[in-house]
């Protein structure tokens, strides 16, 4: 039986790779284009198109805040993630106004 694969991304190259899940003692994954380290994003990730600059900027904000795309249960995907820079800006402003951690504010479906 084949091992499960998970997604990794390279933000500078705007590239996404499906690779086997890293086990203990595995070295870090590197990009096939630029050889920089890949970021593990999880198995519930769907990459934006390479030309979608706003989508990749949104993804970069999410990843730098520590948000990943792990599938929580068998019933669905990773939960809500903002798709536009406008949604990200709203949640960043909310986090700054309320003191809520940025990663938690970014995954809120609705803002109060």
Protein backbone atom coordinates (compact mmCIF):
# COMPACT_ATOMS: atom_id res chain seq x y z
CA UNK A 1 0.00 0.00 0.00
CA UNK A 2 1.31 3.44 -0.92
CA UNK A 3 1.98 6.02 1.75
CA UNK A 4 -0.39 8.97 2.05
CA UNK A 5 0.73 12.17 0.38
CA UNK A 6 0.44 15.69 1.66
CA UNK A 7 0.99 19.13 0.12
CA UNK A 8 4.06 21.33 0.25
CA UNK A 9 4.46 24.79 -1.31
CA UNK A 10 7.26 27.08 -2.40
CA UNK A 11 6.04 30.68 -2.09
CA UNK A 12 8.77 32.32 -4.23
CA UNK A 13 8.12 29.92 -7.14
CA UNK A 14 4.36 29.72 -6.58
CA UNK A 15 4.62 25.96 -6.83
CA UNK A 16 2.76 23.18 -5.03
CA UNK A 17 3.95 19.60 -4.63
CA UNK A 18 2.29 16.43 -3.33
CA UNK A 19 4.86 14.32 -1.52
CA UNK A 20 4.82 11.51 1.03
CA UNK A 21 4.19 12.64 4.56
CA UNK A 22 7.52 13.35 6.29
CA UNK A 23 8.43 10.78 8.91
CA UNK A 24 10.78 11.10 11.86
CA UNK A 25 14.33 11.61 10.69
CA UNK A 26 13.27 12.73 7.20
CA UNK A 27 15.17 15.72 5.95
CA UNK A 28 13.34 18.85 4.93
CA UNK A 29 11.81 18.96 1.49
CA UNK A 30 13.25 21.39 -1.06
CA UNK A 31 11.77 23.01 -4.15
CA UNK A 32 12.61 21.38 -7.48
CA UNK A 33 12.90 24.81 -9.11
CA UNK A 34 14.86 26.95 -6.65
CA UNK A 35 16.07 24.43 -4.01
CA UNK A 36 14.66 26.54 -1.15
CA UNK A 37 12.88 24.73 1.69
CA UNK A 38 9.22 23.84 1.10
CA UNK A 39 6.47 24.69 3.57
CA UNK A 40 4.25 21.82 4.69
CA UNK A 41 0.65 23.02 4.26
CA UNK A 42 -1.37 19.85 4.87
CA UNK A 43 -3.46 17.38 2.97
CA UNK A 44 -6.54 19.61 2.59
CA UNK A 45 -4.74 22.24 0.48
CA UNK A 46 -5.76 23.40 -2.99
CA UNK A 47 -3.21 25.70 -4.61
CA UNK A 48 -4.20 28.90 -6.41
CA UNK A 49 -3.21 29.18 -10.06
CA UNK A 50 0.37 30.35 -10.58
CA UNK A 51 -0.80 33.62 -12.20
CA UNK A 52 -3.15 34.43 -9.29
CA UNK A 53 -0.93 36.95 -7.50
CA UNK A 54 -3.58 37.94 -4.95
CA UNK A 55 -4.28 34.29 -4.13
CA UNK A 56 -0.61 33.59 -3.45
CA UNK A 57 -0.29 36.77 -1.33
CA UNK A 58 -3.31 35.64 0.70
CA UNK A 59 -1.74 32.20 1.10
CA UNK A 60 1.56 33.75 2.22
CA UNK A 61 -0.21 35.72 4.98
CA UNK A 62 -1.99 32.57 6.17
CA UNK A 63 1.18 30.47 6.23
CA UNK A 64 3.24 33.15 7.99
CA UNK A 65 0.52 33.36 10.66
CA UNK A 66 0.80 29.60 11.21
CA UNK A 67 -2.46 28.56 9.53
CA UNK A 68 -2.31 25.17 7.81
CA UNK A 69 -4.77 23.12 5.76
CA UNK A 70 -5.09 19.87 7.73
CA UNK A 71 -8.28 17.89 7.29
CA UNK A 72 -9.99 17.85 10.68
CA UNK A 73 -12.27 14.84 10.20
CA UNK A 74 -13.71 12.52 7.59
CA UNK A 75 -16.70 14.79 7.04
CA UNK A 76 -15.02 17.75 5.43
CA UNK A 77 -12.03 19.84 4.60
CA UNK A 78 -9.77 21.99 6.74
CA UNK A 79 -12.48 24.51 7.61
CA UNK A 80 -12.81 28.14 6.62
CA UNK A 81 -9.80 29.93 5.13
CA UNK A 82 -9.97 33.45 3.62
CA UNK A 83 -9.56 33.51 -0.16
CA UNK A 84 -9.13 37.22 -0.87
CA UNK A 85 -6.88 39.96 0.44
CA UNK A 86 -9.99 41.88 1.51
CA UNK A 87 -11.07 39.04 3.79
CA UNK A 88 -7.54 38.87 5.21
CA UNK A 89 -7.49 42.64 5.86
CA UNK A 90 -10.84 42.45 7.72
CA UNK A 91 -9.57 39.66 9.94
CA UNK A 92 -6.21 41.35 10.62
CA UNK A 93 -8.05 44.54 11.66
CA UNK A 94 -10.36 42.49 13.89
CA UNK A 95 -7.38 40.74 15.52
CA UNK A 96 -5.64 44.05 16.20
CA UNK A 97 -8.81 45.62 17.62
CA UNK A 98 -9.73 42.72 19.91
CA UNK A 99 -6.33 41.29 20.79
CA UNK A 100 -7.30 37.87 19.42
CA UNK A 101 -4.34 35.89 18.01
CA UNK A 102 -3.97 36.46 14.27
CA UNK A 103 -4.05 32.75 13.37
CA UNK A 104 -7.35 32.35 15.22
CA UNK A 105 -8.91 35.44 13.66
CA UNK A 106 -7.91 34.33 10.15
CA UNK A 107 -9.85 31.06 10.38
CA UNK A 108 -13.08 32.65 11.68
CA UNK A 109 -15.92 32.15 9.23
CA UNK A 110 -17.88 35.17 10.47
CA UNK A 111 -16.67 38.26 12.27
CA UNK A 112 -18.88 39.55 15.10
